[in-house]
Amino acid sequence: MSCDVILLDDDEDLREATAEVISKLVHCTVDTFGSLNQLQLNYERASSSKLAFLDINLGLNEPSGLEAYTFLLNNDYRGRVFFFTGHAKSHPLVQTAAQLGRAEILNKPVAVTSLVRLVRSELEDTNQTSTLLSP
């Protein structure tokens, strides 16, 4: 079974609350992961998602969201990628993420209305593009 959105964050409470809000208000499927390793182990299912939300900092001595981004790209991930961060723009991880070009940065906390609007918009854009490309 495929999912619409993947969410990678080391904060379990935040991860589960965010996933619940997205799934109930946007009516889509959300798969959550607490680490890059969990994402890697479940990539076959996650690979078809249309959106990926990656926390930039996944905890002390853990691979970062940037490494998760690299993993996704190296495995031909075709969805949109957004980074969540609570760090200042001067933080090295945020500066690196800002230079990636293909991903966007969202500052925590993200307002529920903004997140729901973003997910709806991205999923609608993806569905319209898929329809246009269908034979």
N, C-alpha and C. Protein backbone atom coordinates (compact mmCIF):
# COMPACT_ATOMS: atom_id res chain seq x y z
N MET A 1 0.84 -1.19 0.00
CA MET A 1 0.00 0.00 0.00
C MET A 1 0.89 1.24 0.00
N SER A 2 0.57 2.19 -0.84
CA SER A 2 1.37 3.41 -0.92
C SER A 2 0.83 4.45 0.06
N CYS A 3 1.60 5.49 0.24
CA CYS A 3 1.16 6.58 1.10
C CYS A 3 1.27 7.88 0.32
N ASP A 4 0.59 8.90 0.81
CA ASP A 4 0.62 10.21 0.17
C ASP A 4 1.74 11.09 0.72
N VAL A 5 1.97 10.97 2.03
CA VAL A 5 2.91 11.85 2.73
C VAL A 5 3.79 11.01 3.65
N ILE A 6 5.09 11.33 3.68
CA ILE A 6 5.96 10.74 4.68
C ILE A 6 6.45 11.85 5.61
N LEU A 7 6.59 11.49 6.86
CA LEU A 7 6.98 12.44 7.90
C LEU A 7 8.09 11.81 8.71
N LEU A 8 9.26 12.44 8.70
CA LEU A 8 10.43 11.97 9.43
C LEU A 8 10.76 12.98 10.51
N ASP A 9 10.61 12.57 11.78
CA ASP A 9 10.90 13.45 12.90
C ASP A 9 11.23 12.59 14.11
N ASP A 10 12.23 12.99 14.88
CA ASP A 10 12.62 12.21 16.04
C ASP A 10 11.71 12.42 17.24
N ASP A 11 10.88 13.44 17.22
CA ASP A 11 9.96 13.72 18.32
C ASP A 11 8.65 12.95 18.07
N GLU A 12 8.48 11.86 18.78
CA GLU A 12 7.34 10.98 18.52
C GLU A 12 6.00 11.69 18.70
N ASP A 13 5.86 12.47 19.75
CA ASP A 13 4.58 13.17 19.98
C ASP A 13 4.27 14.14 18.85
N LEU A 14 5.25 14.92 18.46
CA LEU A 14 5.06 15.87 17.36
C LEU A 14 4.78 15.15 16.05
N ARG A 15 5.52 14.08 15.81
CA ARG A 15 5.35 13.30 14.59
C ARG A 15 3.93 12.73 14.49
N GLU A 16 3.48 12.11 15.56
CA GLU A 16 2.15 11.49 15.54
C GLU A 16 1.03 12.52 15.48
N ALA A 17 1.18 13.63 16.19
CA ALA A 17 0.15 14.68 16.16
C ALA A 17 0.07 15.30 14.77
N THR A 18 1.22 15.57 14.17
CA THR A 18 1.24 16.15 12.83
C THR A 18 0.62 15.20 11.82
N ALA A 19 0.97 13.93 11.93
CA ALA A 19 0.41 12.94 11.01
C ALA A 19 -1.11 12.84 11.15
N GLU A 20 -1.58 12.89 12.38
CA GLU A 20 -3.02 12.80 12.61
C GLU A 20 -3.75 14.01 12.02
N VAL A 21 -3.20 15.18 12.22
CA VAL A 21 -3.81 16.40 11.66
C VAL A 21 -3.87 16.31 10.14
N ILE A 22 -2.75 15.95 9.52
CA ILE A 22 -2.72 15.86 8.06
C ILE A 22 -3.70 14.82 7.55
N SER A 23 -3.68 13.64 8.13
CA SER A 23 -4.54 12.56 7.62
C SER A 23 -6.03 12.87 7.79
N LYS A 24 -6.39 13.49 8.92
CA LYS A 24 -7.81 13.77 9.16
C LYS A 24 -8.32 14.99 8.41
N LEU A 25 -7.51 16.02 8.31
CA LEU A 25 -7.99 17.25 7.68
C LEU A 25 -7.79 17.28 6.17
N VAL A 26 -6.82 16.51 5.68
CA VAL A 26 -6.58 16.48 4.24
C VAL A 26 -7.13 15.18 3.62
N HIS A 27 -7.43 14.21 4.47
CA HIS A 27 -7.95 12.91 4.02
C HIS A 27 -6.95 12.21 3.10
N CYS A 28 -5.75 12.03 3.62
CA CYS A 28 -4.72 11.32 2.88
C CYS A 28 -3.98 10.39 3.83
N THR A 29 -3.15 9.54 3.28
CA THR A 29 -2.38 8.62 4.12
C THR A 29 -1.03 9.24 4.46
N VAL A 30 -0.60 9.01 5.69
CA VAL A 30 0.67 9.54 6.18
C VAL A 30 1.44 8.40 6.84
N ASP A 31 2.67 8.18 6.41
CA ASP A 31 3.56 7.22 7.07
C ASP A 31 4.59 8.01 7.85
N THR A 32 4.83 7.60 9.09
CA THR A 32 5.76 8.32 9.95
C THR A 32 6.98 7.47 10.27
N PHE A 33 8.10 8.15 10.44
CA PHE A 33 9.36 7.49 10.76
C PHE A 33 10.11 8.33 11.78
N GLY A 34 10.75 7.67 12.73
CA GLY A 34 11.49 8.36 13.78
C GLY A 34 12.97 8.48 13.51
N SER A 35 13.44 7.81 12.46
CA SER A 35 14.86 7.86 12.15
C SER A 35 15.07 7.55 10.67
N LEU A 36 16.24 7.89 10.20
CA LEU A 36 16.60 7.55 8.83
C LEU A 36 16.58 6.04 8.64
N ASN A 37 17.04 5.31 9.63
CA ASN A 37 17.04 3.85 9.53
C ASN A 37 15.62 3.30 9.32
N GLN A 38 14.65 3.82 10.05
CA GLN A 38 13.26 3.38 9.86
C GLN A 38 12.77 3.69 8.45
N LEU A 39 13.12 4.85 7.95
CA LEU A 39 12.74 5.23 6.59
C LEU A 39 13.37 4.28 5.58
N GLN A 40 14.63 3.98 5.76
CA GLN A 40 15.33 3.07 4.84
C GLN A 40 14.70 1.68 4.84
N LEU A 41 14.34 1.18 6.01
CA LEU A 41 13.75 -0.15 6.12
C LEU A 41 12.36 -0.23 5.48
N ASN A 42 11.68 0.90 5.38
CA ASN A 42 10.32 0.94 4.84
C ASN A 42 10.23 1.74 3.55
N TYR A 43 11.35 1.88 2.86
CA TYR A 43 11.38 2.77 1.71
C TYR A 43 10.48 2.31 0.56
N GLU A 44 10.32 1.04 0.37
CA GLU A 44 9.49 0.57 -0.74
C GLU A 44 8.08 1.16 -0.64
N ARG A 45 7.53 1.16 0.56
CA ARG A 45 6.20 1.73 0.76
C ARG A 45 6.23 3.26 0.68
N ALA A 46 7.26 3.87 1.25
CA ALA A 46 7.34 5.33 1.30
C ALA A 46 7.71 5.95 -0.04
N SER A 47 8.33 5.19 -0.91
CA SER A 47 8.85 5.74 -2.16
C SER A 47 7.79 6.32 -3.08
N SER A 48 6.56 5.88 -2.94
CA SER A 48 5.49 6.37 -3.81
C SER A 48 4.80 7.62 -3.26
N SER A 49 5.23 8.10 -2.10
CA SER A 49 4.59 9.27 -1.51
C SER A 49 4.82 10.50 -2.39
N LYS A 50 3.92 11.42 -2.28
CA LYS A 50 3.99 12.64 -3.08
C LYS A 50 4.71 13.77 -2.36
N LEU A 51 4.76 13.67 -1.01
CA LEU A 51 5.38 14.69 -0.17
C LEU A 51 6.21 14.05 0.93
N ALA A 52 7.34 14.67 1.22
CA ALA A 52 8.17 14.24 2.35
C ALA A 52 8.46 15.44 3.22
N PHE A 53 8.15 15.31 4.49
CA PHE A 53 8.51 16.32 5.48
C PHE A 53 9.61 15.73 6.35
N LEU A 54 10.77 16.36 6.34
CA LEU A 54 11.94 15.85 7.06
C LEU A 54 12.38 16.87 8.10
N ASP A 55 12.48 16.44 9.35
CA ASP A 55 13.06 17.31 10.36
C ASP A 55 14.56 17.41 10.07
N ILE A 56 15.10 18.61 10.07
CA ILE A 56 16.52 18.78 9.76
C ILE A 56 17.40 18.10 10.80
N ASN A 57 17.07 18.27 12.08
CA ASN A 57 17.89 17.71 13.14
C ASN A 57 17.16 16.54 13.77
N LEU A 58 17.69 15.34 13.57
CA LEU A 58 17.02 14.12 14.07
C LEU A 58 17.62 13.61 15.37
N GLY A 59 18.33 14.47 16.09
CA GLY A 59 18.85 14.09 17.39
C GLY A 59 20.36 13.95 17.41
N LEU A 60 20.89 14.03 18.61
CA LEU A 60 22.33 13.93 18.83
C LEU A 60 22.87 12.59 18.34
N ASN A 61 23.93 12.63 17.58
CA ASN A 61 24.61 11.43 17.05
C ASN A 61 23.74 10.59 16.12
N GLU A 62 22.74 11.21 15.53
CA GLU A 62 21.87 10.53 14.58
C GLU A 62 22.05 11.19 13.20
N PRO A 63 21.82 10.43 12.13
CA PRO A 63 21.86 11.06 10.80
C PRO A 63 20.84 12.20 10.75
N SER A 64 21.16 13.24 10.02
CA SER A 64 20.28 14.40 9.94
C SER A 64 19.23 14.22 8.85
N GLY A 65 18.31 15.16 8.81
CA GLY A 65 17.34 15.18 7.73
C GLY A 65 18.00 15.40 6.38
N LEU A 66 19.16 16.04 6.38
CA LEU A 66 19.91 16.21 5.12
C LEU A 66 20.37 14.86 4.58
N GLU A 67 20.78 13.98 5.48
CA GLU A 67 21.17 12.64 5.04
C GLU A 67 19.96 11.86 4.54
N ALA A 68 18.82 12.09 5.16
CA ALA A 68 17.58 11.45 4.68
C ALA A 68 17.23 11.98 3.29
N TYR A 69 17.41 13.27 3.09
CA TYR A 69 17.18 13.88 1.77
C TYR A 69 18.08 13.23 0.72
N THR A 70 19.35 13.08 1.04
CA THR A 70 20.30 12.44 0.11
C THR A 70 19.87 11.01 -0.18
N PHE A 71 19.44 10.29 0.85
CA PHE A 71 18.96 8.91 0.65
C PHE A 71 17.77 8.90 -0.31
N LEU A 72 16.82 9.80 -0.11
CA LEU A 72 15.65 9.85 -0.99
C LEU A 72 16.07 10.10 -2.44
N LEU A 73 16.92 11.09 -2.65
CA LEU A 73 17.34 11.41 -4.02
C LEU A 73 18.14 10.27 -4.65
N ASN A 74 18.99 9.63 -3.87
CA ASN A 74 19.78 8.52 -4.39
C ASN A 74 18.93 7.31 -4.73
N ASN A 75 17.70 7.28 -4.22
CA ASN A 75 16.78 6.18 -4.49
C ASN A 75 15.63 6.62 -5.38
N ASP A 76 15.88 7.66 -6.19
CA ASP A 76 14.94 8.14 -7.20
C ASP A 76 13.60 8.60 -6.65
N TYR A 77 13.61 9.17 -5.45
CA TYR A 77 12.37 9.73 -4.90
C TYR A 77 11.92 10.88 -5.79
N ARG A 78 10.66 10.90 -6.15
CA ARG A 78 10.15 11.90 -7.09
C ARG A 78 9.19 12.91 -6.46
N GLY A 79 8.89 12.75 -5.17
CA GLY A 79 7.97 13.67 -4.51
C GLY A 79 8.63 14.97 -4.10
N ARG A 80 7.83 15.89 -3.60
CA ARG A 80 8.33 17.16 -3.08
C ARG A 80 8.90 16.95 -1.69
N VAL A 81 9.92 17.71 -1.34
CA VAL A 81 10.57 17.59 -0.04
C VAL A 81 10.54 18.93 0.68
N PHE A 82 10.15 18.87 1.95
CA PHE A 82 10.16 20.03 2.82
C PHE A 82 10.92 19.67 4.09
N PHE A 83 11.73 20.61 4.57
CA PHE A 83 12.42 20.43 5.85
C PHE A 83 11.69 21.21 6.93
N PHE A 84 11.54 20.58 8.10
CA PHE A 84 11.08 21.27 9.30
C PHE A 84 12.31 21.65 10.10
N THR A 85 12.32 22.84 10.67
CA THR A 85 13.43 23.20 11.55
C THR A 85 12.97 24.18 12.62
N GLY A 86 13.57 24.05 13.77
CA GLY A 86 13.39 25.01 14.84
C GLY A 86 14.65 25.84 15.02
N HIS A 87 15.63 25.63 14.16
CA HIS A 87 16.91 26.32 14.25
C HIS A 87 16.88 27.64 13.48
N ALA A 88 17.78 28.53 13.86
CA ALA A 88 17.93 29.81 13.17
C ALA A 88 18.51 29.59 11.78
N LYS A 89 18.32 30.56 10.90
CA LYS A 89 18.85 30.47 9.54
C LYS A 89 20.37 30.36 9.53
N SER A 90 21.02 30.77 10.60
CA SER A 90 22.48 30.72 10.67
C SER A 90 23.00 29.33 11.03
N HIS A 91 22.14 28.41 11.45
CA HIS A 91 22.57 27.05 11.80
C HIS A 91 23.11 26.36 10.56
N PRO A 92 24.25 25.65 10.67
CA PRO A 92 24.86 25.01 9.49
C PRO A 92 23.94 24.06 8.73
N LEU A 93 23.11 23.29 9.42
CA LEU A 93 22.20 22.38 8.73
C LEU A 93 21.16 23.16 7.92
N VAL A 94 20.68 24.25 8.48
CA VAL A 94 19.68 25.07 7.79
C VAL A 94 20.33 25.74 6.57
N GLN A 95 21.55 26.23 6.73
CA GLN A 95 22.24 26.85 5.61
C GLN A 95 22.46 25.84 4.48
N THR A 96 22.84 24.63 4.82
CA THR A 96 23.04 23.59 3.80
C THR A 96 21.72 23.27 3.12
N ALA A 97 20.66 23.11 3.89
CA ALA A 97 19.34 22.80 3.32
C ALA A 97 18.88 23.91 2.38
N ALA A 98 19.18 25.16 2.73
CA ALA A 98 18.75 26.29 1.90
C ALA A 98 19.43 26.28 0.53
N GLN A 99 20.58 25.63 0.43
CA GLN A 99 21.32 25.59 -0.83
C GLN A 99 20.93 24.42 -1.72
N LEU A 100 20.06 23.55 -1.24
CA LEU A 100 19.74 22.34 -2.00
C LEU A 100 18.88 22.62 -3.23
N GLY A 101 18.08 23.64 -3.18
CA GLY A 101 17.30 24.01 -4.35
C GLY A 101 16.02 23.24 -4.52
N ARG A 102 16.04 21.94 -4.37
CA ARG A 102 14.83 21.14 -4.62
C ARG A 102 13.92 21.04 -3.40
N ALA A 103 14.44 21.41 -2.24
CA ALA A 103 13.66 21.32 -1.00
C ALA A 103 13.37 22.70 -0.45
N GLU A 104 12.28 22.80 0.30
CA GLU A 104 11.92 24.06 0.95
C GLU A 104 12.02 23.88 2.45
N ILE A 105 12.23 24.99 3.16
CA ILE A 105 12.39 24.96 4.61
C ILE A 105 11.17 25.59 5.27
N LEU A 106 10.60 24.89 6.24
CA LEU A 106 9.48 25.39 7.03
C LEU A 106 9.93 25.53 8.47
N ASN A 107 9.69 26.68 9.06
CA ASN A 107 10.08 26.91 10.45
C ASN A 107 9.04 26.35 11.41
N LYS A 108 9.53 25.63 12.44
CA LYS A 108 8.66 25.13 13.49
C LYS A 108 8.39 26.27 14.47
N PRO A 109 7.23 26.30 15.06
CA PRO A 109 6.09 25.45 14.74
C PRO A 109 5.37 25.95 13.49
N VAL A 110 4.87 25.01 12.72
CA VAL A 110 4.10 25.35 11.52
C VAL A 110 2.63 25.40 11.94
N ALA A 111 1.96 26.48 11.61
CA ALA A 111 0.54 26.61 11.94
C ALA A 111 -0.25 25.52 11.23
N VAL A 112 -1.20 24.94 11.92
CA VAL A 112 -2.00 23.85 11.35
C VAL A 112 -2.65 24.29 10.04
N THR A 113 -3.21 25.47 10.02
CA THR A 113 -3.88 25.92 8.79
C THR A 113 -2.90 26.03 7.63
N SER A 114 -1.70 26.50 7.90
CA SER A 114 -0.68 26.62 6.85
C SER A 114 -0.25 25.25 6.36
N LEU A 115 -0.06 24.32 7.28
CA LEU A 115 0.36 22.97 6.90
C LEU A 115 -0.71 22.26 6.08
N VAL A 116 -1.95 22.36 6.51
CA VAL A 116 -3.05 21.73 5.79
C VAL A 116 -3.18 22.33 4.39
N ARG A 117 -3.10 23.65 4.30
CA ARG A 117 -3.18 24.32 3.00
C ARG A 117 -2.04 23.86 2.09
N LEU A 118 -0.85 23.77 2.63
CA LEU A 118 0.31 23.34 1.85
C LEU A 118 0.13 21.91 1.33
N VAL A 119 -0.26 21.00 2.21
CA VAL A 119 -0.42 19.60 1.81
C VAL A 119 -1.52 19.47 0.77
N ARG A 120 -2.65 20.11 0.99
CA ARG A 120 -3.75 20.06 0.00
C ARG A 120 -3.28 20.58 -1.35
N SER A 121 -2.61 21.70 -1.34
CA SER A 121 -2.14 22.31 -2.58
C SER A 121 -1.16 21.39 -3.31
N GLU A 122 -0.21 20.85 -2.59
CA GLU A 122 0.79 19.98 -3.21
C GLU A 122 0.17 18.70 -3.75
N LEU A 123 -0.74 18.10 -2.99
CA LEU A 123 -1.38 16.87 -3.46
C LEU A 123 -2.27 17.14 -4.66
N GLU A 124 -2.97 18.28 -4.67
CA GLU A 124 -3.79 18.63 -5.83
C GLU A 124 -2.93 18.86 -7.06
N ASP A 125 -1.80 19.57 -6.89
CA ASP A 125 -0.89 19.81 -8.02
C ASP A 125 -0.35 18.50 -8.56
N THR A 126 0.00 17.58 -7.66
CA THR A 126 0.52 16.28 -8.09
C THR A 126 -0.53 15.49 -8.82
N ASN A 127 -1.76 15.50 -8.32
CA ASN A 127 -2.84 14.75 -8.97
C ASN A 127 -3.16 15.34 -10.35
N GLN A 128 -3.13 16.66 -10.47
CA GLN A 128 -3.39 17.29 -11.77
C GLN A 128 -2.30 16.94 -12.77
N THR A 129 -1.05 16.94 -12.32
CA THR A 129 0.06 16.59 -13.19
C THR A 129 -0.06 15.14 -13.62
N SER A 130 -0.41 14.25 -12.72
CA SER A 130 -0.57 12.83 -13.05
C SER A 130 -1.66 12.65 -14.09
N THR A 131 -2.76 13.37 -13.94
CA THR A 131 -3.86 13.27 -14.90
C THR A 131 -3.43 13.75 -16.27
N LEU A 132 -2.68 14.83 -16.30
CA LEU A 132 -2.22 15.36 -17.58
C LEU A 132 -1.25 14.41 -18.28
N LEU A 133 -0.49 13.64 -17.51
CA LEU A 133 0.51 12.75 -18.09
C LEU A 133 -0.04 11.37 -18.39
N SER A 134 -1.25 11.08 -17.93
CA SER A 134 -1.84 9.76 -18.19
C SER A 134 -2.18 9.60 -19.66
N PRO A 135 -2.06 8.35 -20.18
CA PRO A 135 -2.39 8.12 -21.60
C PRO A 135 -3.88 8.27 -21.87
